[in-house]
Amino acid sequence: MNGSQILQELKSYGITFTDIANALGVRASTVSLVANRKSDSKRIAKAFSIALNKPVEDIFPDRPQYYRHSDPKKRKQLLDAVRELNAA
């Protein structure tokens, strides 16, 4: 979804960027920046997800940092593989 689509869908629920901003204690311009991909905020992305009743990845498919979770085991495996390169 682009920023205009997010705004339009929020409006269909009677919610504005200002409402989201007030609920989170940030400026409406910050909420707009996130919706329009000019700034990043996992917290604001999650607020959109809740307000629109959609998974974050459906709203921001181009922002995996919002929904990709760190897996400590996978991280260790990857770092071990990198270390093996150094040992070779």
C-alpha atoms as a PDB file:
ATOM      1  CA  MET A   1       0.000   0.000   0.000  1.00  0.00           C
ATOM      2  CA  ASN A   2       1.228   3.480  -0.723  1.00  0.00           C
ATOM      3  CA  GLY A   3       0.690   6.460   1.564  1.00  0.00           C
ATOM      4  CA  SER A   4      -2.503   7.562  -0.169  1.00  0.00           C
ATOM      5  CA  GLN A   5      -3.978   4.080   0.067  1.00  0.00           C
ATOM      6  CA  ILE A   6      -3.133   3.866   3.764  1.00  0.00           C
ATOM      7  CA  LEU A   7      -4.748   7.253   4.368  1.00  0.00           C
ATOM      8  CA  GLN A   8      -7.878   6.359   2.381  1.00  0.00           C
ATOM      9  CA  GLU A   9      -8.337   3.054   4.169  1.00  0.00           C
ATOM     10  CA  LEU A  10      -7.831   4.702   7.549  1.00  0.00           C
ATOM     11  CA  LYS A  11     -10.442   7.312   6.590  1.00  0.00           C
ATOM     12  CA  SER A  12     -12.901   4.515   5.813  1.00  0.00           C
ATOM     13  CA  TYR A  13     -12.658   3.657   9.525  1.00  0.00           C
ATOM     14  CA  GLY A  14     -12.887   7.313  10.540  1.00  0.00           C
ATOM     15  CA  ILE A  15      -9.208   7.408  11.508  1.00  0.00           C
ATOM     16  CA  THR A  16      -6.706  10.071  10.443  1.00  0.00           C
ATOM     17  CA  PHE A  17      -2.933  10.335  10.592  1.00  0.00           C
ATOM     18  CA  THR A  18      -3.501  12.841  13.402  1.00  0.00           C
ATOM     19  CA  ASP A  19      -5.438  10.212  15.370  1.00  0.00           C
ATOM     20  CA  ILE A  20      -2.580   7.736  14.985  1.00  0.00           C
ATOM     21  CA  ALA A  21      -0.064  10.426  15.913  1.00  0.00           C
ATOM     22  CA  ASN A  22      -1.976  11.448  19.038  1.00  0.00           C
ATOM     23  CA  ALA A  23      -2.311   7.836  20.136  1.00  0.00           C
ATOM     24  CA  LEU A  24       1.453   7.323  19.801  1.00  0.00           C
ATOM     25  CA  GLY A  25       2.579  10.725  21.057  1.00  0.00           C
ATOM     26  CA  VAL A  26       4.248  11.731  17.785  1.00  0.00           C
ATOM     27  CA  ARG A  27       3.548  14.366  15.142  1.00  0.00           C
ATOM     28  CA  ALA A  28       1.083  13.737  12.336  1.00  0.00           C
ATOM     29  CA  SER A  29       3.853  14.664   9.902  1.00  0.00           C
ATOM     30  CA  THR A  30       5.936  11.774  11.259  1.00  0.00           C
ATOM     31  CA  VAL A  31       3.048   9.365  10.666  1.00  0.00           C
ATOM     32  CA  SER A  32       2.700  10.715   7.132  1.00  0.00           C
ATOM     33  CA  LEU A  33       6.425  10.328   6.485  1.00  0.00           C
ATOM     34  CA  VAL A  34       6.279   6.671   7.492  1.00  0.00           C
ATOM     35  CA  ALA A  35       3.177   6.015   5.375  1.00  0.00           C
ATOM     36  CA  ASN A  36       4.939   7.593   2.393  1.00  0.00           C
ATOM     37  CA  ARG A  37       8.214   5.702   2.986  1.00  0.00           C
ATOM     38  CA  LYS A  38      10.191   8.867   3.701  1.00  0.00           C
ATOM     39  CA  SER A  39      10.995   7.683   7.241  1.00  0.00           C
ATOM     40  CA  ASP A  40      11.004   4.359   9.091  1.00  0.00           C
ATOM     41  CA  SER A  41       9.214   3.436  12.291  1.00  0.00           C
ATOM     42  CA  LYS A  42       8.320  -0.087  13.278  1.00  0.00           C
ATOM     43  CA  ARG A  43       5.981   1.279  15.946  1.00  0.00           C
ATOM     44  CA  ILE A  44       4.013   3.426  13.500  1.00  0.00           C
ATOM     45  CA  ALA A  45       3.892   0.560  11.001  1.00  0.00           C
ATOM     46  CA  LYS A  46       2.441  -1.643  13.747  1.00  0.00           C
ATOM     47  CA  ALA A  47      -0.128   1.066  14.560  1.00  0.00           C
ATOM     48  CA  PHE A  48      -1.244   1.054  10.907  1.00  0.00           C
ATOM     49  CA  SER A  49      -1.464  -2.720  11.063  1.00  0.00           C
ATOM     50  CA  ILE A  50      -3.710  -2.597  14.112  1.00  0.00           C
ATOM     51  CA  ALA A  51      -5.868   0.249  12.808  1.00  0.00           C
ATOM     52  CA  LEU A  52      -6.347  -1.410   9.403  1.00  0.00           C
ATOM     53  CA  ASN A  53      -6.598  -4.945  10.782  1.00  0.00           C
ATOM     54  CA  LYS A  54      -3.978  -6.114   8.282  1.00  0.00           C
ATOM     55  CA  PRO A  55      -0.572  -7.709   8.693  1.00  0.00           C
ATOM     56  CA  VAL A  56       2.304  -5.244   8.536  1.00  0.00           C
ATOM     57  CA  GLU A  57       3.745  -7.128   5.565  1.00  0.00           C
ATOM     58  CA  ASP A  58       0.547  -6.465   3.575  1.00  0.00           C
ATOM     59  CA  ILE A  59       0.820  -2.722   4.239  1.00  0.00           C
ATOM     60  CA  PHE A  60       4.599  -2.449   3.852  1.00  0.00           C
ATOM     61  CA  PRO A  61       5.754  -5.387   1.690  1.00  0.00           C
ATOM     62  CA  ASP A  62       8.779  -3.287   0.712  1.00  0.00           C
ATOM     63  CA  ARG A  63       9.884  -2.850   4.339  1.00  0.00           C
ATOM     64  CA  PRO A  64      10.897  -6.297   5.665  1.00  0.00           C
ATOM     65  CA  GLN A  65      12.570  -4.648   8.663  1.00  0.00           C
ATOM     66  CA  TYR A  66       9.048  -4.019   9.983  1.00  0.00           C
ATOM     67  CA  TYR A  67       8.025  -7.654  10.045  1.00  0.00           C
ATOM     68  CA  ARG A  68      11.102  -9.826   9.745  1.00  0.00           C
ATOM     69  CA  HIS A  69      11.996 -11.204  13.137  1.00  0.00           C
ATOM     70  CA  SER A  70      15.497 -11.955  14.261  1.00  0.00           C
ATOM     71  CA  ASP A  71      16.130 -15.640  14.866  1.00  0.00           C
ATOM     72  CA  PRO A  72      19.069 -16.048  17.279  1.00  0.00           C
ATOM     73  CA  LYS A  73      19.770 -19.619  16.102  1.00  0.00           C
ATOM     74  CA  LYS A  74      19.814 -18.579  12.452  1.00  0.00           C
ATOM     75  CA  ARG A  75      22.054 -15.618  13.316  1.00  0.00           C
ATOM     76  CA  LYS A  76      24.502 -17.936  15.074  1.00  0.00           C
ATOM     77  CA  GLN A  77      24.514 -20.322  12.110  1.00  0.00           C
ATOM     78  CA  LEU A  78      25.246 -17.494   9.706  1.00  0.00           C
ATOM     79  CA  LEU A  79      28.034 -16.077  11.860  1.00  0.00           C
ATOM     80  CA  ASP A  80      29.565 -19.539  12.296  1.00  0.00           C
ATOM     81  CA  ALA A  81      29.600 -19.922   8.512  1.00  0.00           C
ATOM     82  CA  VAL A  82      31.323 -16.542   8.174  1.00  0.00           C
ATOM     83  CA  ARG A  83      33.905 -17.535  10.789  1.00  0.00           C
ATOM     84  CA  GLU A  84      34.607 -20.735   8.861  1.00  0.00           C
ATOM     85  CA  LEU A  85      35.569 -18.604   5.881  1.00  0.00           C
ATOM     86  CA  ASN A  86      38.211 -16.951   8.025  1.00  0.00           C
ATOM     87  CA  ALA A  87      39.565 -20.336   9.186  1.00  0.00           C
ATOM     88  CA  ALA A  88      39.891 -21.640   5.615  1.00  0.00           C
END
